[in-house]
N, C-alpha and C. Protein backbone atom coordinates (compact mmCIF):
# COMPACT_ATOMS: atom_id res chain seq x y z
N MET A 1 -83.44 -25.32 -41.06
CA MET A 1 -82.89 -24.01 -40.77
C MET A 1 -83.82 -23.27 -39.81
N PRO A 2 -83.34 -22.94 -38.63
CA PRO A 2 -84.21 -22.26 -37.65
C PRO A 2 -84.53 -20.83 -38.09
N GLN A 3 -85.74 -20.43 -37.81
CA GLN A 3 -86.16 -19.08 -38.16
C GLN A 3 -85.84 -18.14 -37.01
N THR A 4 -85.64 -16.89 -37.34
CA THR A 4 -85.38 -15.90 -36.31
C THR A 4 -86.66 -15.61 -35.54
N GLN A 5 -86.51 -15.08 -34.35
CA GLN A 5 -87.70 -14.73 -33.55
C GLN A 5 -88.54 -13.68 -34.26
N ALA A 6 -87.88 -12.76 -34.98
CA ALA A 6 -88.64 -11.73 -35.70
C ALA A 6 -89.52 -12.35 -36.77
N VAL A 7 -88.99 -13.31 -37.50
CA VAL A 7 -89.77 -13.97 -38.55
C VAL A 7 -90.90 -14.77 -37.93
N GLU A 8 -90.60 -15.50 -36.86
CA GLU A 8 -91.65 -16.27 -36.18
C GLU A 8 -92.75 -15.34 -35.68
N GLY A 9 -92.37 -14.19 -35.14
CA GLY A 9 -93.36 -13.23 -34.67
C GLY A 9 -94.23 -12.72 -35.79
N LEU A 10 -93.62 -12.43 -36.94
CA LEU A 10 -94.37 -11.98 -38.11
C LEU A 10 -95.33 -13.06 -38.57
N TYR A 11 -94.85 -14.29 -38.68
CA TYR A 11 -95.72 -15.39 -39.09
C TYR A 11 -96.85 -15.59 -38.09
N ARG A 12 -96.54 -15.49 -36.81
CA ARG A 12 -97.57 -15.67 -35.78
C ARG A 12 -98.66 -14.60 -35.92
N ARG A 13 -98.26 -13.35 -36.13
CA ARG A 13 -99.25 -12.27 -36.31
C ARG A 13 -100.09 -12.52 -37.56
N ALA A 14 -99.44 -12.92 -38.64
CA ALA A 14 -100.16 -13.21 -39.88
C ALA A 14 -101.12 -14.39 -39.67
N GLN A 15 -100.65 -15.42 -39.00
CA GLN A 15 -101.52 -16.59 -38.75
C GLN A 15 -102.75 -16.17 -37.96
N GLN A 16 -102.57 -15.33 -36.93
CA GLN A 16 -103.72 -14.92 -36.13
C GLN A 16 -104.69 -14.09 -36.95
N LYS A 17 -104.18 -13.19 -37.79
CA LYS A 17 -105.06 -12.39 -38.66
C LYS A 17 -105.85 -13.30 -39.59
N LEU A 18 -105.18 -14.31 -40.16
CA LEU A 18 -105.84 -15.23 -41.07
C LEU A 18 -106.86 -16.10 -40.34
N VAL A 19 -106.59 -16.46 -39.10
CA VAL A 19 -107.57 -17.18 -38.27
C VAL A 19 -108.80 -16.29 -38.08
N ASP A 20 -108.55 -15.03 -37.71
CA ASP A 20 -109.65 -14.08 -37.49
C ASP A 20 -110.51 -13.91 -38.73
N LEU A 21 -109.87 -13.99 -39.91
CA LEU A 21 -110.58 -13.86 -41.18
C LEU A 21 -111.17 -15.18 -41.67
N ARG A 22 -111.00 -16.23 -40.87
CA ARG A 22 -111.48 -17.58 -41.19
C ARG A 22 -110.85 -18.14 -42.47
N LEU A 23 -109.60 -17.76 -42.72
CA LEU A 23 -108.88 -18.28 -43.88
C LEU A 23 -107.84 -19.32 -43.47
N TYR A 24 -107.62 -19.48 -42.17
CA TYR A 24 -106.58 -20.39 -41.68
C TYR A 24 -107.08 -21.03 -40.40
N ASN A 25 -106.94 -22.35 -40.32
CA ASN A 25 -107.38 -23.03 -39.09
C ASN A 25 -106.26 -23.91 -38.52
N GLY A 26 -105.03 -23.61 -38.92
CA GLY A 26 -103.89 -24.34 -38.38
C GLY A 26 -103.39 -23.73 -37.08
N ALA A 27 -102.25 -24.20 -36.65
CA ALA A 27 -101.65 -23.71 -35.40
C ALA A 27 -101.11 -22.30 -35.60
N VAL A 28 -101.28 -21.46 -34.58
CA VAL A 28 -100.67 -20.13 -34.56
C VAL A 28 -99.35 -20.30 -33.82
N ASP A 29 -98.35 -20.77 -34.58
CA ASP A 29 -97.08 -21.17 -33.95
C ASP A 29 -95.86 -20.49 -34.57
N GLY A 30 -96.08 -19.61 -35.54
CA GLY A 30 -94.96 -18.91 -36.14
C GLY A 30 -94.19 -19.72 -37.16
N GLN A 31 -94.72 -20.87 -37.56
CA GLN A 31 -94.04 -21.73 -38.53
C GLN A 31 -94.68 -21.59 -39.90
N ARG A 32 -93.88 -21.75 -40.94
CA ARG A 32 -94.37 -21.60 -42.32
C ARG A 32 -94.79 -22.97 -42.86
N SER A 33 -95.93 -23.45 -42.39
CA SER A 33 -96.45 -24.74 -42.82
C SER A 33 -97.11 -24.63 -44.19
N ASP A 34 -97.35 -25.77 -44.81
CA ASP A 34 -98.05 -25.78 -46.10
C ASP A 34 -99.43 -25.15 -45.97
N ALA A 35 -100.14 -25.45 -44.89
CA ALA A 35 -101.48 -24.89 -44.68
C ALA A 35 -101.42 -23.37 -44.56
N PHE A 36 -100.41 -22.87 -43.90
CA PHE A 36 -100.24 -21.42 -43.74
C PHE A 36 -99.97 -20.78 -45.11
N VAL A 37 -99.09 -21.36 -45.89
CA VAL A 37 -98.77 -20.82 -47.22
C VAL A 37 -100.03 -20.81 -48.08
N ARG A 38 -100.81 -21.88 -48.06
CA ARG A 38 -102.06 -21.93 -48.84
C ARG A 38 -103.04 -20.84 -48.39
N SER A 39 -103.11 -20.59 -47.09
CA SER A 39 -104.05 -19.57 -46.61
C SER A 39 -103.57 -18.17 -47.01
N VAL A 40 -102.26 -17.95 -47.00
CA VAL A 40 -101.73 -16.66 -47.47
C VAL A 40 -102.06 -16.49 -48.95
N GLU A 41 -101.91 -17.55 -49.74
CA GLU A 41 -102.24 -17.47 -51.17
C GLU A 41 -103.72 -17.15 -51.37
N ARG A 42 -104.60 -17.77 -50.58
CA ARG A 42 -106.04 -17.46 -50.68
C ARG A 42 -106.28 -15.98 -50.36
N PHE A 43 -105.67 -15.51 -49.28
CA PHE A 43 -105.81 -14.11 -48.90
C PHE A 43 -105.34 -13.20 -50.03
N GLN A 44 -104.19 -13.54 -50.61
CA GLN A 44 -103.64 -12.72 -51.69
C GLN A 44 -104.58 -12.68 -52.89
N ARG A 45 -105.14 -13.81 -53.25
CA ARG A 45 -106.07 -13.83 -54.40
C ARG A 45 -107.29 -12.94 -54.13
N VAL A 46 -107.84 -13.01 -52.94
CA VAL A 46 -109.01 -12.20 -52.57
C VAL A 46 -108.68 -10.71 -52.67
N HIS A 47 -107.44 -10.35 -52.34
CA HIS A 47 -107.03 -8.94 -52.32
C HIS A 47 -106.27 -8.52 -53.59
N ASN A 48 -106.36 -9.33 -54.64
CA ASN A 48 -105.72 -9.01 -55.92
C ASN A 48 -104.22 -8.74 -55.77
N ILE A 49 -103.59 -9.55 -54.95
CA ILE A 49 -102.14 -9.52 -54.78
C ILE A 49 -101.62 -10.80 -55.44
N ARG A 50 -100.49 -10.71 -56.12
CA ARG A 50 -99.93 -11.92 -56.75
C ARG A 50 -99.79 -13.01 -55.71
N ALA A 51 -100.46 -14.13 -55.95
CA ALA A 51 -100.54 -15.22 -54.98
C ALA A 51 -99.26 -16.07 -55.03
N ASN A 52 -98.33 -15.74 -54.12
CA ASN A 52 -97.09 -16.50 -54.05
C ASN A 52 -96.87 -17.10 -52.66
N GLY A 53 -97.80 -16.85 -51.74
CA GLY A 53 -97.70 -17.43 -50.40
C GLY A 53 -96.68 -16.77 -49.50
N ARG A 54 -96.10 -15.67 -49.95
CA ARG A 54 -95.08 -14.98 -49.15
C ARG A 54 -95.66 -13.72 -48.51
N LEU A 55 -95.12 -13.37 -47.36
CA LEU A 55 -95.58 -12.18 -46.65
C LEU A 55 -94.78 -10.97 -47.12
N ASN A 56 -94.99 -10.61 -48.38
CA ASN A 56 -94.31 -9.43 -48.92
C ASN A 56 -94.98 -8.17 -48.36
N SER A 57 -94.41 -7.01 -48.68
CA SER A 57 -94.90 -5.77 -48.09
C SER A 57 -96.36 -5.51 -48.43
N GLN A 58 -96.77 -5.82 -49.64
CA GLN A 58 -98.17 -5.60 -50.05
C GLN A 58 -99.10 -6.50 -49.24
N THR A 59 -98.71 -7.74 -49.02
CA THR A 59 -99.53 -8.68 -48.25
C THR A 59 -99.58 -8.26 -46.79
N ARG A 60 -98.44 -7.87 -46.23
CA ARG A 60 -98.42 -7.42 -44.83
C ARG A 60 -99.30 -6.20 -44.64
N ALA A 61 -99.25 -5.26 -45.60
CA ALA A 61 -100.08 -4.06 -45.50
C ALA A 61 -101.56 -4.42 -45.55
N ALA A 62 -101.94 -5.33 -46.44
CA ALA A 62 -103.34 -5.73 -46.55
C ALA A 62 -103.81 -6.44 -45.29
N LEU A 63 -102.90 -7.19 -44.65
CA LEU A 63 -103.23 -7.86 -43.39
C LEU A 63 -103.23 -6.91 -42.20
N GLY A 64 -102.60 -5.74 -42.38
CA GLY A 64 -102.50 -4.79 -41.28
C GLY A 64 -101.44 -5.17 -40.27
N ILE A 65 -100.38 -5.79 -40.74
CA ILE A 65 -99.28 -6.16 -39.83
C ILE A 65 -97.95 -5.56 -40.30
């Protein structure tokens, strides 16, 4: 199922933030890879957000996106 450009853009911004934080070293390509989901979960645990690997509003706010 192809993702919308808006979702890809959101994932790309999140991936870049996670790269900057040294929590993600995968491709900044806007795709929801397993490595990306794991890095989001790590970020969520560090910030006391329920670690589900999703870019919910609380996670986006903590990432500043």
